[in-house]
């Protein structure tokens, strides 16, 4: 339990909800200039709700050919923010001309891993 949660619990309140891995990833991705215009609402909501392993499961369903390296990167990256920065860097290197959906971006990330 974090200090903030402990203080809130001591004061009789509920422990605040921490953002999920997916929500933190998306927040950093947007902060880094990643566009969400091409994403469907359901893709965004699915990723926002994911913890680390759920993100792997979600991506495996959407991208059956996702690389082992991409899955391992999700599992081992220190923070979701670092994953977002890595993905944005790969996108910039790939310089994709057309906007792509979230799952297509992971396919690009997986191919470059």
C-alpha atoms as a PDB file:
ATOM      1  CA  UNK A   1       0.000   0.000   0.000  1.00  0.00           C
ATOM      2  CA  UNK A   2       1.367   3.392  -0.922  1.00  0.00           C
ATOM      3  CA  UNK A   3       1.692   6.198   1.592  1.00  0.00           C
ATOM      4  CA  UNK A   4      -1.147   8.049  -0.126  1.00  0.00           C
ATOM      5  CA  UNK A   5      -3.458   5.035   0.093  1.00  0.00           C
ATOM      6  CA  UNK A   6      -2.551   4.458   3.748  1.00  0.00           C
ATOM      7  CA  UNK A   7      -3.287   8.082   4.629  1.00  0.00           C
ATOM      8  CA  UNK A   8      -6.619   7.970   2.815  1.00  0.00           C
ATOM      9  CA  UNK A   9      -7.582   4.722   4.541  1.00  0.00           C
ATOM     10  CA  UNK A  10      -6.574   6.109   7.960  1.00  0.00           C
ATOM     11  CA  UNK A  11      -8.801   9.100   7.331  1.00  0.00           C
ATOM     12  CA  UNK A  12     -11.740   6.780   6.725  1.00  0.00           C
ATOM     13  CA  UNK A  13     -11.778   7.186   2.973  1.00  0.00           C
ATOM     14  CA  UNK A  14     -11.442   4.707   0.201  1.00  0.00           C
ATOM     15  CA  UNK A  15      -8.009   4.124  -1.273  1.00  0.00           C
ATOM     16  CA  UNK A  16      -7.845   6.096  -4.526  1.00  0.00           C
ATOM     17  CA  UNK A  17      -7.939   4.103  -7.727  1.00  0.00           C
ATOM     18  CA  UNK A  18      -4.575   4.001  -9.428  1.00  0.00           C
ATOM     19  CA  UNK A  19      -4.554   4.317 -13.214  1.00  0.00           C
ATOM     20  CA  UNK A  20      -4.106   1.028 -15.035  1.00  0.00           C
ATOM     21  CA  UNK A  21      -1.029   0.129 -17.062  1.00  0.00           C
ATOM     22  CA  UNK A  22      -3.059   0.752 -20.219  1.00  0.00           C
ATOM     23  CA  UNK A  23      -4.399   4.111 -19.055  1.00  0.00           C
ATOM     24  CA  UNK A  24      -0.903   5.284 -18.123  1.00  0.00           C
ATOM     25  CA  UNK A  25       0.404   4.049 -21.481  1.00  0.00           C
ATOM     26  CA  UNK A  26      -2.285   5.964 -23.392  1.00  0.00           C
ATOM     27  CA  UNK A  27      -1.780   9.143 -21.346  1.00  0.00           C
ATOM     28  CA  UNK A  28       1.962   9.163 -22.111  1.00  0.00           C
ATOM     29  CA  UNK A  29       1.362   8.204 -25.722  1.00  0.00           C
ATOM     30  CA  UNK A  30      -0.946  11.213 -26.138  1.00  0.00           C
ATOM     31  CA  UNK A  31       1.500  13.467 -24.269  1.00  0.00           C
ATOM     32  CA  UNK A  32       4.239  12.384 -26.688  1.00  0.00           C
ATOM     33  CA  UNK A  33       2.089  13.499 -29.602  1.00  0.00           C
ATOM     34  CA  UNK A  34       0.519  10.186 -30.493  1.00  0.00           C
ATOM     35  CA  UNK A  35      -2.787  10.723 -32.194  1.00  0.00           C
ATOM     36  CA  UNK A  36      -5.900   8.867 -31.190  1.00  0.00           C
ATOM     37  CA  UNK A  37      -8.012  10.041 -34.127  1.00  0.00           C
ATOM     38  CA  UNK A  38      -7.709   6.734 -35.971  1.00  0.00           C
ATOM     39  CA  UNK A  39      -8.586   4.661 -32.918  1.00  0.00           C
ATOM     40  CA  UNK A  40     -12.011   3.234 -32.355  1.00  0.00           C
ATOM     41  CA  UNK A  41     -13.682   3.989 -29.069  1.00  0.00           C
ATOM     42  CA  UNK A  42     -13.659   0.301 -28.173  1.00  0.00           C
ATOM     43  CA  UNK A  43      -9.895   0.038 -28.808  1.00  0.00           C
ATOM     44  CA  UNK A  44      -9.191   2.993 -26.528  1.00  0.00           C
ATOM     45  CA  UNK A  45     -11.480   1.727 -23.775  1.00  0.00           C
ATOM     46  CA  UNK A  46     -10.047  -1.791 -24.004  1.00  0.00           C
ATOM     47  CA  UNK A  47      -6.492  -0.517 -23.619  1.00  0.00           C
ATOM     48  CA  UNK A  48      -7.418   1.907 -20.817  1.00  0.00           C
ATOM     49  CA  UNK A  49      -8.835  -0.953 -18.764  1.00  0.00           C
ATOM     50  CA  UNK A  50      -5.825  -3.254 -19.184  1.00  0.00           C
ATOM     51  CA  UNK A  51      -3.193  -4.156 -16.693  1.00  0.00           C
ATOM     52  CA  UNK A  52       0.125  -5.350 -18.129  1.00  0.00           C
ATOM     53  CA  UNK A  53      -0.936  -8.961 -18.808  1.00  0.00           C
ATOM     54  CA  UNK A  54      -4.373  -7.958 -20.056  1.00  0.00           C
ATOM     55  CA  UNK A  55      -2.653  -5.716 -22.598  1.00  0.00           C
ATOM     56  CA  UNK A  56      -0.705  -8.739 -23.845  1.00  0.00           C
ATOM     57  CA  UNK A  57      -3.932 -10.767 -24.047  1.00  0.00           C
ATOM     58  CA  UNK A  58      -5.786  -7.962 -25.841  1.00  0.00           C
ATOM     59  CA  UNK A  59      -3.007  -7.562 -28.372  1.00  0.00           C
ATOM     60  CA  UNK A  60      -2.723 -11.309 -28.966  1.00  0.00           C
ATOM     61  CA  UNK A  61      -6.434 -11.419 -29.805  1.00  0.00           C
ATOM     62  CA  UNK A  62      -6.192  -8.424 -32.127  1.00  0.00           C
ATOM     63  CA  UNK A  63      -2.822  -9.382 -33.640  1.00  0.00           C
ATOM     64  CA  UNK A  64      -2.399 -13.158 -33.696  1.00  0.00           C
ATOM     65  CA  UNK A  65       1.011 -12.691 -35.349  1.00  0.00           C
ATOM     66  CA  UNK A  66       2.366 -10.230 -32.773  1.00  0.00           C
ATOM     67  CA  UNK A  67       6.019 -10.949 -32.211  1.00  0.00           C
ATOM     68  CA  UNK A  68       7.379 -12.588 -29.118  1.00  0.00           C
ATOM     69  CA  UNK A  69       9.780  -9.644 -28.783  1.00  0.00           C
ATOM     70  CA  UNK A  70       6.886  -7.164 -28.598  1.00  0.00           C
ATOM     71  CA  UNK A  71       5.111  -9.267 -25.975  1.00  0.00           C
ATOM     72  CA  UNK A  72       8.282  -9.561 -23.929  1.00  0.00           C
ATOM     73  CA  UNK A  73       8.827  -5.798 -24.202  1.00  0.00           C
ATOM     74  CA  UNK A  74       5.377  -5.168 -22.747  1.00  0.00           C
ATOM     75  CA  UNK A  75       6.057  -7.660 -19.945  1.00  0.00           C
ATOM     76  CA  UNK A  76       9.510  -6.359 -19.070  1.00  0.00           C
ATOM     77  CA  UNK A  77       9.421  -2.618 -19.722  1.00  0.00           C
ATOM     78  CA  UNK A  78       9.860  -0.731 -16.478  1.00  0.00           C
ATOM     79  CA  UNK A  79       6.858   1.555 -16.910  1.00  0.00           C
ATOM     80  CA  UNK A  80       3.963   1.975 -19.329  1.00  0.00           C
ATOM     81  CA  UNK A  81       5.278   5.471 -19.982  1.00  0.00           C
ATOM     82  CA  UNK A  82       8.543   3.991 -21.259  1.00  0.00           C
ATOM     83  CA  UNK A  83       6.578   1.630 -23.507  1.00  0.00           C
ATOM     84  CA  UNK A  84       4.719   4.628 -24.961  1.00  0.00           C
ATOM     85  CA  UNK A  85       7.985   6.511 -25.549  1.00  0.00           C
ATOM     86  CA  UNK A  86       9.516   3.472 -27.245  1.00  0.00           C
ATOM     87  CA  UNK A  87       6.483   3.022 -29.469  1.00  0.00           C
ATOM     88  CA  UNK A  88       6.427   6.709 -30.431  1.00  0.00           C
ATOM     89  CA  UNK A  89      10.115   6.540 -31.288  1.00  0.00           C
ATOM     90  CA  UNK A  90       9.527   3.483 -33.481  1.00  0.00           C
ATOM     91  CA  UNK A  91       6.607   5.242 -35.169  1.00  0.00           C
ATOM     92  CA  UNK A  92       8.731   8.274 -35.896  1.00  0.00           C
ATOM     93  CA  UNK A  93      11.457   6.066 -37.359  1.00  0.00           C
ATOM     94  CA  UNK A  94       8.898   4.230 -39.491  1.00  0.00           C
ATOM     95  CA  UNK A  95       7.357   7.594 -40.470  1.00  0.00           C
ATOM     96  CA  UNK A  96       4.054   6.043 -41.363  1.00  0.00           C
ATOM     97  CA  UNK A  97       2.173   8.398 -43.687  1.00  0.00           C
ATOM     98  CA  UNK A  98      -1.357   7.207 -42.911  1.00  0.00           C
ATOM     99  CA  UNK A  99      -2.921   7.217 -39.460  1.00  0.00           C
ATOM    100  CA  UNK A 100      -3.192   3.715 -38.087  1.00  0.00           C
ATOM    101  CA  UNK A 101      -5.198   2.114 -35.316  1.00  0.00           C
ATOM    102  CA  UNK A 102      -3.705   1.240 -31.967  1.00  0.00           C
ATOM    103  CA  UNK A 103      -3.356  -2.443 -32.777  1.00  0.00           C
ATOM    104  CA  UNK A 104      -1.713  -1.664 -36.121  1.00  0.00           C
ATOM    105  CA  UNK A 105       0.814   0.506 -34.265  1.00  0.00           C
ATOM    106  CA  UNK A 106       1.731  -2.454 -32.094  1.00  0.00           C
ATOM    107  CA  UNK A 107       2.168  -4.501 -35.264  1.00  0.00           C
ATOM    108  CA  UNK A 108       4.678  -1.895 -36.472  1.00  0.00           C
ATOM    109  CA  UNK A 109       6.348  -1.948 -33.051  1.00  0.00           C
ATOM    110  CA  UNK A 110       6.441  -5.747 -33.134  1.00  0.00           C
ATOM    111  CA  UNK A 111       7.951  -5.830 -36.613  1.00  0.00           C
ATOM    112  CA  UNK A 112      10.693  -3.426 -35.609  1.00  0.00           C
ATOM    113  CA  UNK A 113      11.517  -5.241 -32.359  1.00  0.00           C
END
